[in-house]
Amino acid sequence: MRRVGRRSRQPPEGSLMENGVGREPGTPEAPAAEGTPGARPPRPRPRLVFHTQLAHGSPTGRIEGFTNVKELYTKIAEVFGISPTEILFCTLNTHKVDMQKLLGGQIGLEDFIFAHVRGETKEVEVTKTEDALGLTITDNGAGYAFIKRIKEGSIINRLQTVCVGDSIEAINDHTIVGCRHYEVARMLRELPRAQPFTLRLVQPKKAFDMIGQRTRSSKSPSEGRVCSGKETLRLRAQGPATLEDGPSPFEEEAARRVDDLLESYMGIRDSELASTMVEAAKESPGAAQLARDLDSVLGEFAFPQEFVAEVWAAVCHPKEAQK
């Protein structure tokens, strides 16, 4: 996911990358030829190594050399001898299906990565008796959309076989693998009322103590937070990863507000998308300009005007937006 306006340690054009991190400014490009007066060895580049396990239980592995989520999944799969498509999502510092600890576009340099892999497949018949199903959907950045939250008292909440963490593989036998979460949310919203449909779900393989909550308040201050105040590795959909400072308290709170708006308008939660919108709003003098900026960066979303106006107000005039 492209970010707008985030200060980061961007590598100069043509610089070498290791784990997606460029050489520090001023580092010699190559050692001087042997015998050259004043020759000094180059400064060592950072070597970022992360520890990982399969969430349902495995030995600890070590991974490095990735610059985006798909490459991360490939590295994890190589360590454990599985296919990258077996990985549904990853959590940071917990093996449980904890939606507050999802790996998004940031990994703290001391974070431990747990990979949740495919478990049993199940089919559930649902009858849409009202417009909203009560699902909040997110995706893993590598082709799988899954359930992040189930609203208490909703249609889906009454189906005990549907759980937080379940990946949505198909709707009425139409595969949605490779679709983004907002596309899946739109498909579900457009299904006609009173007509039953079938969801094919894949649940993550669980250890005996891994029980996910069916619902969680969207007001949790730790939602989407990764090692605040510390350096993190920022993974990007396009371009190399970069080392960045953790988000400020203002940015975290603004991103939480925008994430809440995403859920209320679109039925999705995406902390990385929310952070991208915060960065765009901070640079925009008004909602109209923000709409144009978002179209240039995130044109595929086609956000309604009233939503963009609320985003701009939530970031630039938070006190007025809360009234």
Foldseek 3Di string as FASTA:
>chain_A
DDFFPADFDDAPPPFDDWLLEGDPPPWDRQFDPPPDPPTDHTDDDDWQKAWEEALADDDIDIFGRDFALLVVLVRVCVRVVHDSQQFFFKFWPHSALELQRTDAQKAFSHIHIYTFGWDDKDKDKFAAQDLDQQFAWFGHLQFWIFTQAGDPPGRVNVVVVHAGQKTFQDKQPHGRGNPGRLVVLVVSNPDDHRDMIMTIITHTDHHPPHDYDRHDDLPDLSRPFHPAQGWIWGHDPDHGITIHGGDDSLLSQLLSVLQVLCCVPRSYGHSVVSSSLLSLLVPDPALVVSVVVCCVVPVVNPDDSVSSRLSSCCNVPVVVSVD
